[in-house]
């Protein structure tokens, strides 16, 4: 439980962190540390340089813009959960942040760190996919916007380049859309065995839906068959029965792949019913 030797530098600003990343191929950014430090203790991760970005106050904010809400990548989960702007315009994000871990985790962990880690069992990636968020990365070549649908590329893998850091997340205002984030865990504060993020549009009935699944594959994924069925006029029950199609859920100590497929169908129905009722 002792990490391999490493150097440690505190970044003073985003550009300073990017400069440090560009100088070392074996550098890693450290924000809250809830994912990276345990991996280092097990020597699953062996960065030779840790660049601490957790003190860059300029990347901690929630700001309302005309059509979206901008969230600084170093905004703590507790501040995301408490944001009045998110509660009003994109409440699925603030509600999900309030469900992450325990108070200690939420006071230290950051939204950007969680997303950049790329864990398919994490809560926030599926929410970003469901709402159609854009993630802003900054590197030596400048800034670029990456759709959530292209950001997560594999288990603990994202579209970020080695010299890039995530600096901002932009989530759209949901307006009158209904929403739900429904998850099942073996114990309180555990990673989700599986979870479903749903955003629905329609007056009384669901005319269009975005449904994303947590821990049902190597990345968070859309339940495409369910979405298409709803757009075709299917009932929630019939559409939810298709939620596990084209998924590759893992088998582990928490659940078998078959049980996860069953949960996907059950939780998708519950999430859609809750979203429609909002």
C-alpha atoms as a PDB file:
ATOM      1  CA  UNK A   1       0.000   0.000   0.000  1.00  0.00           C
ATOM      2  CA  UNK A   2       2.973   2.311  -0.562  1.00  0.00           C
ATOM      3  CA  UNK A   3       3.116   4.186  -3.893  1.00  0.00           C
ATOM      4  CA  UNK A   4       6.163   4.195  -6.135  1.00  0.00           C
ATOM      5  CA  UNK A   5       8.433   7.261  -5.759  1.00  0.00           C
ATOM      6  CA  UNK A   6       7.203  10.420  -7.479  1.00  0.00           C
ATOM      7  CA  UNK A   7       7.889  14.150  -7.748  1.00  0.00           C
ATOM      8  CA  UNK A   8       5.248  16.670  -6.694  1.00  0.00           C
ATOM      9  CA  UNK A   9       4.593  20.185  -8.026  1.00  0.00           C
ATOM     10  CA  UNK A  10       1.752  22.583  -7.226  1.00  0.00           C
ATOM     11  CA  UNK A  11       0.419  24.284 -10.362  1.00  0.00           C
ATOM     12  CA  UNK A  12      -0.271  27.992 -10.002  1.00  0.00           C
ATOM     13  CA  UNK A  13      -2.615  28.289 -12.984  1.00  0.00           C
ATOM     14  CA  UNK A  14      -4.047  26.134 -15.809  1.00  0.00           C
ATOM     15  CA  UNK A  15      -1.298  27.176 -18.236  1.00  0.00           C
ATOM     16  CA  UNK A  16       1.345  26.297 -15.649  1.00  0.00           C
ATOM     17  CA  UNK A  17      -0.181  22.819 -15.266  1.00  0.00           C
ATOM     18  CA  UNK A  18      -0.238  22.346 -19.044  1.00  0.00           C
ATOM     19  CA  UNK A  19       3.376  23.429 -19.290  1.00  0.00           C
ATOM     20  CA  UNK A  20       4.354  20.848 -16.655  1.00  0.00           C
ATOM     21  CA  UNK A  21       2.386  18.122 -18.427  1.00  0.00           C
ATOM     22  CA  UNK A  22       4.184  18.897 -21.680  1.00  0.00           C
ATOM     23  CA  UNK A  23       7.595  18.473 -20.084  1.00  0.00           C
ATOM     24  CA  UNK A  24       7.022  14.960 -18.718  1.00  0.00           C
ATOM     25  CA  UNK A  25       5.379  11.993 -20.415  1.00  0.00           C
ATOM     26  CA  UNK A  26       4.887  10.329 -17.034  1.00  0.00           C
ATOM     27  CA  UNK A  27       3.025  13.235 -15.375  1.00  0.00           C
ATOM     28  CA  UNK A  28      -0.472  13.078 -13.914  1.00  0.00           C
ATOM     29  CA  UNK A  29      -2.839  15.791 -12.709  1.00  0.00           C
ATOM     30  CA  UNK A  30      -4.024  15.602  -9.110  1.00  0.00           C
ATOM     31  CA  UNK A  31      -7.298  17.297  -8.179  1.00  0.00           C
ATOM     32  CA  UNK A  32      -9.287  15.671  -5.356  1.00  0.00           C
ATOM     33  CA  UNK A  33      -7.224  12.496  -5.462  1.00  0.00           C
ATOM     34  CA  UNK A  34     -10.040  10.046  -4.693  1.00  0.00           C
ATOM     35  CA  UNK A  35      -9.314   7.903  -7.745  1.00  0.00           C
ATOM     36  CA  UNK A  36      -5.637   8.501  -8.457  1.00  0.00           C
ATOM     37  CA  UNK A  37      -4.210   8.099  -4.943  1.00  0.00           C
ATOM     38  CA  UNK A  38      -5.788   4.664  -4.267  1.00  0.00           C
ATOM     39  CA  UNK A  39      -4.515   3.494  -7.678  1.00  0.00           C
ATOM     40  CA  UNK A  40      -1.038   4.743  -6.792  1.00  0.00           C
ATOM     41  CA  UNK A  41      -1.119   2.964  -3.429  1.00  0.00           C
ATOM     42  CA  UNK A  42      -1.871  -0.295  -5.244  1.00  0.00           C
ATOM     43  CA  UNK A  43       0.789   0.617  -7.846  1.00  0.00           C
ATOM     44  CA  UNK A  44      -1.793   0.343 -10.604  1.00  0.00           C
ATOM     45  CA  UNK A  45      -0.737   3.896 -11.468  1.00  0.00           C
ATOM     46  CA  UNK A  46       2.919   4.960 -11.274  1.00  0.00           C
ATOM     47  CA  UNK A  47       3.244   8.590 -12.328  1.00  0.00           C
ATOM     48  CA  UNK A  48       6.735   9.972 -11.817  1.00  0.00           C
ATOM     49  CA  UNK A  49       5.320  13.508 -11.478  1.00  0.00           C
ATOM     50  CA  UNK A  50       2.131  14.658  -9.770  1.00  0.00           C
ATOM     51  CA  UNK A  51       0.897  18.093 -10.820  1.00  0.00           C
ATOM     52  CA  UNK A  52      -1.449  19.343  -8.110  1.00  0.00           C
ATOM     53  CA  UNK A  53      -4.163  21.507  -9.686  1.00  0.00           C
ATOM     54  CA  UNK A  54      -6.542  21.368  -6.729  1.00  0.00           C
ATOM     55  CA  UNK A  55      -5.693  24.887  -5.584  1.00  0.00           C
ATOM     56  CA  UNK A  56      -6.419  26.700  -8.867  1.00  0.00           C
ATOM     57  CA  UNK A  57      -9.370  28.796  -7.702  1.00  0.00           C
ATOM     58  CA  UNK A  58      -9.988  30.177 -11.201  1.00  0.00           C
ATOM     59  CA  UNK A  59     -11.394  26.800 -12.267  1.00  0.00           C
ATOM     60  CA  UNK A  60     -13.948  26.567  -9.453  1.00  0.00           C
ATOM     61  CA  UNK A  61     -17.263  28.205 -10.421  1.00  0.00           C
ATOM     62  CA  UNK A  62     -20.793  27.699 -11.736  1.00  0.00           C
ATOM     63  CA  UNK A  63     -21.948  30.403 -14.152  1.00  0.00           C
ATOM     64  CA  UNK A  64     -25.202  30.841 -16.033  1.00  0.00           C
ATOM     65  CA  UNK A  65     -24.948  31.638 -19.737  1.00  0.00           C
ATOM     66  CA  UNK A  66     -27.739  32.262 -22.269  1.00  0.00           C
ATOM     67  CA  UNK A  67     -28.305  28.616 -23.268  1.00  0.00           C
ATOM     68  CA  UNK A  68     -26.120  26.660 -20.862  1.00  0.00           C
ATOM     69  CA  UNK A  69     -24.489  26.460 -17.459  1.00  0.00           C
ATOM     70  CA  UNK A  70     -20.668  26.589 -17.368  1.00  0.00           C
ATOM     71  CA  UNK A  71     -18.983  24.624 -14.584  1.00  0.00           C
ATOM     72  CA  UNK A  72     -15.309  24.988 -13.793  1.00  0.00           C
ATOM     73  CA  UNK A  73     -13.534  21.631 -13.827  1.00  0.00           C
ATOM     74  CA  UNK A  74     -12.234  22.083 -10.272  1.00  0.00           C
ATOM     75  CA  UNK A  75     -15.643  22.795  -8.778  1.00  0.00           C
ATOM     76  CA  UNK A  76     -16.171  20.496  -5.793  1.00  0.00           C
ATOM     77  CA  UNK A  77     -19.093  18.079  -5.847  1.00  0.00           C
ATOM     78  CA  UNK A  78     -20.632  19.864  -2.844  1.00  0.00           C
ATOM     79  CA  UNK A  79     -20.706  23.144  -4.783  1.00  0.00           C
ATOM     80  CA  UNK A  80     -22.200  21.471  -7.845  1.00  0.00           C
ATOM     81  CA  UNK A  81     -24.892  19.958  -5.627  1.00  0.00           C
ATOM     82  CA  UNK A  82     -25.636  23.312  -3.968  1.00  0.00           C
ATOM     83  CA  UNK A  83     -25.620  25.455  -7.127  1.00  0.00           C
ATOM     84  CA  UNK A  84     -28.850  27.415  -7.525  1.00  0.00           C
ATOM     85  CA  UNK A  85     -28.147  27.820 -11.254  1.00  0.00           C
ATOM     86  CA  UNK A  86     -27.941  24.067 -11.778  1.00  0.00           C
ATOM     87  CA  UNK A  87     -30.915  23.338  -9.547  1.00  0.00           C
ATOM     88  CA  UNK A  88     -33.014  25.687 -11.650  1.00  0.00           C
ATOM     89  CA  UNK A  89     -31.779  24.916 -15.145  1.00  0.00           C
ATOM     90  CA  UNK A  90     -30.129  21.464 -15.100  1.00  0.00           C
ATOM     91  CA  UNK A  91     -31.158  19.778 -11.850  1.00  0.00           C
ATOM     92  CA  UNK A  92     -30.097  16.278 -12.866  1.00  0.00           C
ATOM     93  CA  UNK A  93     -26.467  17.420 -12.506  1.00  0.00           C
ATOM     94  CA  UNK A  94     -26.844  18.926  -9.029  1.00  0.00           C
ATOM     95  CA  UNK A  95     -28.994  16.015  -7.850  1.00  0.00           C
ATOM     96  CA  UNK A  96     -26.456  13.448  -9.045  1.00  0.00           C
ATOM     97  CA  UNK A  97     -23.553  15.320  -7.449  1.00  0.00           C
ATOM     98  CA  UNK A  98     -25.398  15.143  -4.130  1.00  0.00           C
ATOM     99  CA  UNK A  99     -25.458  11.331  -4.406  1.00  0.00           C
ATOM    100  CA  UNK A 100     -21.699  10.906  -4.858  1.00  0.00           C
ATOM    101  CA  UNK A 101     -19.912   9.182  -1.984  1.00  0.00           C
ATOM    102  CA  UNK A 102     -20.214  10.795   1.433  1.00  0.00           C
ATOM    103  CA  UNK A 103     -19.747  14.393   2.670  1.00  0.00           C
ATOM    104  CA  UNK A 104     -15.974  13.979   2.885  1.00  0.00           C
ATOM    105  CA  UNK A 105     -15.815  12.835  -0.744  1.00  0.00           C
ATOM    106  CA  UNK A 106     -18.124  15.607  -1.932  1.00  0.00           C
ATOM    107  CA  UNK A 107     -16.103  18.276  -0.126  1.00  0.00           C
ATOM    108  CA  UNK A 108     -12.853  17.158  -1.754  1.00  0.00           C
ATOM    109  CA  UNK A 109     -13.733  15.551  -5.088  1.00  0.00           C
ATOM    110  CA  UNK A 110     -14.128  17.655  -8.243  1.00  0.00           C
ATOM    111  CA  UNK A 111     -16.438  17.317 -11.209  1.00  0.00           C
ATOM    112  CA  UNK A 112     -13.539  17.569 -13.657  1.00  0.00           C
ATOM    113  CA  UNK A 113     -11.472  14.968 -11.860  1.00  0.00           C
ATOM    114  CA  UNK A 114     -14.382  12.529 -11.869  1.00  0.00           C
ATOM    115  CA  UNK A 115     -15.014  12.979 -15.597  1.00  0.00           C
ATOM    116  CA  UNK A 116     -11.342  12.915 -16.620  1.00  0.00           C
ATOM    117  CA  UNK A 117     -10.843   9.646 -14.709  1.00  0.00           C
ATOM    118  CA  UNK A 118     -13.202   7.940 -17.177  1.00  0.00           C
ATOM    119  CA  UNK A 119     -14.538   5.276 -14.805  1.00  0.00           C
ATOM    120  CA  UNK A 120     -17.580   3.568 -16.411  1.00  0.00           C
ATOM    121  CA  UNK A 121     -19.002   2.979 -12.900  1.00  0.00           C
ATOM    122  CA  UNK A 122     -18.869   6.671 -12.008  1.00  0.00           C
ATOM    123  CA  UNK A 123     -22.089   8.674 -11.714  1.00  0.00           C
ATOM    124  CA  UNK A 124     -21.367  11.850 -13.664  1.00  0.00           C
ATOM    125  CA  UNK A 125     -20.332  10.479 -17.105  1.00  0.00           C
ATOM    126  CA  UNK A 126     -23.780   9.043 -17.859  1.00  0.00           C
ATOM    127  CA  UNK A 127     -25.445  12.283 -16.766  1.00  0.00           C
ATOM    128  CA  UNK A 128     -23.185  14.269 -19.101  1.00  0.00           C
ATOM    129  CA  UNK A 129     -24.042  11.881 -21.921  1.00  0.00           C
ATOM    130  CA  UNK A 130     -27.775  12.083 -21.247  1.00  0.00           C
ATOM    131  CA  UNK A 131     -27.902  15.892 -21.205  1.00  0.00           C
ATOM    132  CA  UNK A 132     -25.536  16.304 -24.182  1.00  0.00           C
ATOM    133  CA  UNK A 133     -22.806  18.202 -22.356  1.00  0.00           C
ATOM    134  CA  UNK A 134     -19.674  19.611 -23.946  1.00  0.00           C
ATOM    135  CA  UNK A 135     -16.325  19.310 -22.187  1.00  0.00           C
ATOM    136  CA  UNK A 136     -13.685  21.971 -22.764  1.00  0.00           C
ATOM    137  CA  UNK A 137     -10.062  20.820 -22.835  1.00  0.00           C
ATOM    138  CA  UNK A 138      -7.030  23.114 -22.864  1.00  0.00           C
ATOM    139  CA  UNK A 139      -3.568  22.123 -23.999  1.00  0.00           C
ATOM    140  CA  UNK A 140      -0.469  23.495 -25.671  1.00  0.00           C
ATOM    141  CA  UNK A 141      -2.462  23.918 -28.885  1.00  0.00           C
ATOM    142  CA  UNK A 142      -5.255  25.921 -27.265  1.00  0.00           C
ATOM    143  CA  UNK A 143      -8.805  24.984 -26.285  1.00  0.00           C
ATOM    144  CA  UNK A 144     -11.222  22.568 -27.900  1.00  0.00           C
ATOM    145  CA  UNK A 145     -14.765  21.447 -27.167  1.00  0.00           C
ATOM    146  CA  UNK A 146     -15.417  17.708 -26.926  1.00  0.00           C
ATOM    147  CA  UNK A 147     -19.015  16.368 -26.904  1.00  0.00           C
ATOM    148  CA  UNK A 148     -19.691  13.984 -24.049  1.00  0.00           C
ATOM    149  CA  UNK A 149     -20.542  11.340 -26.654  1.00  0.00           C
ATOM    150  CA  UNK A 150     -16.917  11.469 -27.859  1.00  0.00           C
ATOM    151  CA  UNK A 151     -15.130  12.147 -24.564  1.00  0.00           C
ATOM    152  CA  UNK A 152     -15.273   8.697 -22.957  1.00  0.00           C
ATOM    153  CA  UNK A 153     -13.306   6.217 -25.045  1.00  0.00           C
ATOM    154  CA  UNK A 154     -12.734   3.182 -22.800  1.00  0.00           C
ATOM    155  CA  UNK A 155     -12.195   1.952 -19.262  1.00  0.00           C
ATOM    156  CA  UNK A 156     -10.353   4.808 -17.500  1.00  0.00           C
ATOM    157  CA  UNK A 157      -9.707   6.333 -20.935  1.00  0.00           C
ATOM    158  CA  UNK A 158     -10.862   9.648 -22.409  1.00  0.00           C
ATOM    159  CA  UNK A 159     -10.239  11.808 -25.462  1.00  0.00           C
ATOM    160  CA  UNK A 160      -7.883  14.084 -23.518  1.00  0.00           C
ATOM    161  CA  UNK A 161      -4.384  14.311 -24.988  1.00  0.00           C
ATOM    162  CA  UNK A 162      -1.369  13.808 -22.676  1.00  0.00           C
ATOM    163  CA  UNK A 163      -0.715  17.565 -22.504  1.00  0.00           C
ATOM    164  CA  UNK A 164      -4.372  18.578 -22.054  1.00  0.00           C
ATOM    165  CA  UNK A 165      -6.443  19.221 -18.975  1.00  0.00           C
ATOM    166  CA  UNK A 166     -10.184  19.515 -18.619  1.00  0.00           C
ATOM    167  CA  UNK A 167     -11.011  23.122 -17.713  1.00  0.00           C
ATOM    168  CA  UNK A 168     -14.779  23.482 -18.094  1.00  0.00           C
ATOM    169  CA  UNK A 169     -18.014  21.552 -18.517  1.00  0.00           C
ATOM    170  CA  UNK A 170     -20.979  23.094 -20.325  1.00  0.00           C
ATOM    171  CA  UNK A 171     -24.415  21.601 -19.711  1.00  0.00           C
ATOM    172  CA  UNK A 172     -27.517  22.777 -21.573  1.00  0.00           C
ATOM    173  CA  UNK A 173     -30.505  24.296 -19.846  1.00  0.00           C
ATOM    174  CA  UNK A 174     -33.177  21.589 -19.757  1.00  0.00           C
ATOM    175  CA  UNK A 175     -36.189  23.876 -19.682  1.00  0.00           C
ATOM    176  CA  UNK A 176     -39.348  21.819 -19.140  1.00  0.00           C
ATOM    177  CA  UNK A 177     -37.683  18.451 -19.787  1.00  0.00           C
ATOM    178  CA  UNK A 178     -38.189  15.726 -17.196  1.00  0.00           C
ATOM    179  CA  UNK A 179     -35.182  13.970 -15.732  1.00  0.00           C
ATOM    180  CA  UNK A 180     -34.027  11.207 -13.426  1.00  0.00           C
ATOM    181  CA  UNK A 181     -30.815   9.618 -12.181  1.00  0.00           C
ATOM    182  CA  UNK A 182     -31.660   6.246 -10.681  1.00  0.00           C
ATOM    183  CA  UNK A 183     -29.005   3.879  -9.389  1.00  0.00           C
ATOM    184  CA  UNK A 184     -28.557   0.663  -7.460  1.00  0.00           C
ATOM    185  CA  UNK A 185     -25.574  -0.001  -5.181  1.00  0.00           C
ATOM    186  CA  UNK A 186     -24.834  -2.920  -2.888  1.00  0.00           C
ATOM    187  CA  UNK A 187     -24.117  -0.565  -0.005  1.00  0.00           C
ATOM    188  CA  UNK A 188     -24.621   3.121   0.627  1.00  0.00           C
ATOM    189  CA  UNK A 189     -21.807   5.208  -0.895  1.00  0.00           C
ATOM    190  CA  UNK A 190     -20.599   2.339  -3.104  1.00  0.00           C
ATOM    191  CA  UNK A 191     -19.970   2.724  -6.822  1.00  0.00           C
ATOM    192  CA  UNK A 192     -23.157   2.102  -8.779  1.00  0.00           C
ATOM    193  CA  UNK A 193     -23.763  -1.529  -9.643  1.00  0.00           C
ATOM    194  CA  UNK A 194     -25.686   0.077 -12.483  1.00  0.00           C
ATOM    195  CA  UNK A 195     -27.450   3.394 -12.900  1.00  0.00           C
ATOM    196  CA  UNK A 196     -29.645   5.116 -15.464  1.00  0.00           C
ATOM    197  CA  UNK A 197     -29.698   8.797 -16.416  1.00  0.00           C
ATOM    198  CA  UNK A 198     -32.800   9.851 -18.325  1.00  0.00           C
ATOM    199  CA  UNK A 199     -33.928  13.147 -19.854  1.00  0.00           C
ATOM    200  CA  UNK A 200     -37.347  13.169 -21.525  1.00  0.00           C
ATOM    201  CA  UNK A 201     -39.300  15.666 -23.604  1.00  0.00           C
ATOM    202  CA  UNK A 202     -43.020  15.748 -24.303  1.00  0.00           C
ATOM    203  CA  UNK A 203     -46.365  16.929 -22.994  1.00  0.00           C
ATOM    204  CA  UNK A 204     -47.884  14.122 -20.950  1.00  0.00           C
ATOM    205  CA  UNK A 205     -46.278  11.428 -23.094  1.00  0.00           C
ATOM    206  CA  UNK A 206     -42.620  10.896 -23.951  1.00  0.00           C
ATOM    207  CA  UNK A 207     -41.925  12.136 -27.465  1.00  0.00           C
ATOM    208  CA  UNK A 208     -38.125  12.122 -27.224  1.00  0.00           C
ATOM    209  CA  UNK A 209     -35.707  10.725 -24.657  1.00  0.00           C
ATOM    210  CA  UNK A 210     -32.006  10.506 -23.915  1.00  0.00           C
ATOM    211  CA  UNK A 211     -31.149   7.491 -21.772  1.00  0.00           C
ATOM    212  CA  UNK A 212     -27.592   6.716 -20.622  1.00  0.00           C
ATOM    213  CA  UNK A 213     -26.389   3.668 -18.699  1.00  0.00           C
ATOM    214  CA  UNK A 214     -23.707   3.525 -16.001  1.00  0.00           C
ATOM    215  CA  UNK A 215     -21.520   0.409 -15.641  1.00  0.00           C
ATOM    216  CA  UNK A 216     -23.026  -1.461 -18.584  1.00  0.00           C
ATOM    217  CA  UNK A 217     -19.885  -1.490 -20.734  1.00  0.00           C
ATOM    218  CA  UNK A 218     -16.380  -0.134 -21.099  1.00  0.00           C
ATOM    219  CA  UNK A 219     -17.805   3.395 -21.140  1.00  0.00           C
ATOM    220  CA  UNK A 220     -21.090   5.014 -20.269  1.00  0.00           C
ATOM    221  CA  UNK A 221     -23.448   4.321 -23.184  1.00  0.00           C
ATOM    222  CA  UNK A 222     -26.777   5.341 -24.656  1.00  0.00           C
ATOM    223  CA  UNK A 223     -29.663   2.869 -24.466  1.00  0.00           C
ATOM    224  CA  UNK A 224     -30.302   3.394 -28.164  1.00  0.00           C
ATOM    225  CA  UNK A 225     -32.985   0.741 -28.558  1.00  0.00           C
ATOM    226  CA  UNK A 226     -34.976   2.273 -25.708  1.00  0.00           C
ATOM    227  CA  UNK A 227     -34.616   5.790 -27.110  1.00  0.00           C
ATOM    228  CA  UNK A 228     -35.723   4.696 -30.581  1.00  0.00           C
ATOM    229  CA  UNK A 229     -38.674   2.741 -29.214  1.00  0.00           C
ATOM    230  CA  UNK A 230     -39.932   5.744 -27.272  1.00  0.00           C
ATOM    231  CA  UNK A 231     -39.625   7.982 -30.316  1.00  0.00           C
ATOM    232  CA  UNK A 232     -41.664   5.390 -32.208  1.00  0.00           C
ATOM    233  CA  UNK A 233     -44.490   5.596 -29.678  1.00  0.00           C
ATOM    234  CA  UNK A 234     -43.719   2.549 -27.523  1.00  0.00           C
ATOM    235  CA  UNK A 235     -44.825   2.444 -23.910  1.00  0.00           C
ATOM    236  CA  UNK A 236     -42.297   2.976 -21.130  1.00  0.00           C
ATOM    237  CA  UNK A 237     -42.562  -0.684 -20.152  1.00  0.00           C
ATOM    238  CA  UNK A 238     -41.897  -1.935 -23.687  1.00  0.00           C
ATOM    239  CA  UNK A 239     -39.094   0.548 -24.314  1.00  0.00           C
ATOM    240  CA  UNK A 240     -37.390  -0.216 -20.998  1.00  0.00           C
ATOM    241  CA  UNK A 241     -37.387  -3.917 -21.836  1.00  0.00           C
ATOM    242  CA  UNK A 242     -34.886  -3.084 -24.602  1.00  0.00           C
ATOM    243  CA  UNK A 243     -32.442  -1.188 -22.369  1.00  0.00           C
ATOM    244  CA  UNK A 244     -29.836  -3.959 -22.192  1.00  0.00           C
ATOM    245  CA  UNK A 245     -29.559  -4.463 -25.956  1.00  0.00           C
ATOM    246  CA  UNK A 246     -26.019  -4.036 -27.362  1.00  0.00           C
ATOM    247  CA  UNK A 247     -24.490  -3.733 -23.873  1.00  0.00           C
ATOM    248  CA  UNK A 248     -21.498  -5.617 -22.462  1.00  0.00           C
ATOM    249  CA  UNK A 249     -21.835  -5.349 -18.681  1.00  0.00           C
ATOM    250  CA  UNK A 250     -19.026  -6.717 -16.517  1.00  0.00           C
ATOM    251  CA  UNK A 251     -19.283  -9.572 -14.031  1.00  0.00           C
ATOM    252  CA  UNK A 252     -17.636  -8.836 -10.681  1.00  0.00           C
ATOM    253  CA  UNK A 253     -18.126  -9.111  -6.917  1.00  0.00           C
ATOM    254  CA  UNK A 254     -21.100  -6.726  -7.093  1.00  0.00           C
ATOM    255  CA  UNK A 255     -23.179  -8.473  -9.765  1.00  0.00           C
ATOM    256  CA  UNK A 256     -23.072 -10.823 -12.725  1.00  0.00           C
ATOM    257  CA  UNK A 257     -23.476  -9.495 -16.244  1.00  0.00           C
ATOM    258  CA  UNK A 258     -26.917 -11.148 -16.483  1.00  0.00           C
ATOM    259  CA  UNK A 259     -28.064  -9.487 -13.268  1.00  0.00           C
ATOM    260  CA  UNK A 260     -26.838  -6.138 -14.554  1.00  0.00           C
ATOM    261  CA  UNK A 261     -28.886  -6.611 -17.733  1.00  0.00           C
ATOM    262  CA  UNK A 262     -31.933  -7.301 -15.581  1.00  0.00           C
ATOM    263  CA  UNK A 263     -31.230  -4.214 -13.475  1.00  0.00           C
ATOM    264  CA  UNK A 264     -30.837  -2.097 -16.613  1.00  0.00           C
ATOM    265  CA  UNK A 265     -34.370  -2.955 -17.684  1.00  0.00           C
ATOM    266  CA  UNK A 266     -35.855  -2.397 -14.215  1.00  0.00           C
ATOM    267  CA  UNK A 267     -34.031   0.859 -13.478  1.00  0.00           C
ATOM    268  CA  UNK A 268     -34.667   2.261 -16.956  1.00  0.00           C
ATOM    269  CA  UNK A 269     -38.404   1.807 -16.430  1.00  0.00           C
ATOM    270  CA  UNK A 270     -38.192   3.504 -13.028  1.00  0.00           C
ATOM    271  CA  UNK A 271     -36.073   6.348 -14.365  1.00  0.00           C
ATOM    272  CA  UNK A 272     -38.412   6.999 -17.300  1.00  0.00           C
ATOM    273  CA  UNK A 273     -41.459   6.959 -15.054  1.00  0.00           C
ATOM    274  CA  UNK A 274     -39.821   9.400 -12.644  1.00  0.00           C
ATOM    275  CA  UNK A 275     -38.644  11.659 -15.475  1.00  0.00           C
ATOM    276  CA  UNK A 276     -42.110  11.741 -17.032  1.00  0.00           C
ATOM    277  CA  UNK A 277     -43.654  12.715 -13.693  1.00  0.00           C
ATOM    278  CA  UNK A 278     -41.443  15.803 -13.313  1.00  0.00           C
END
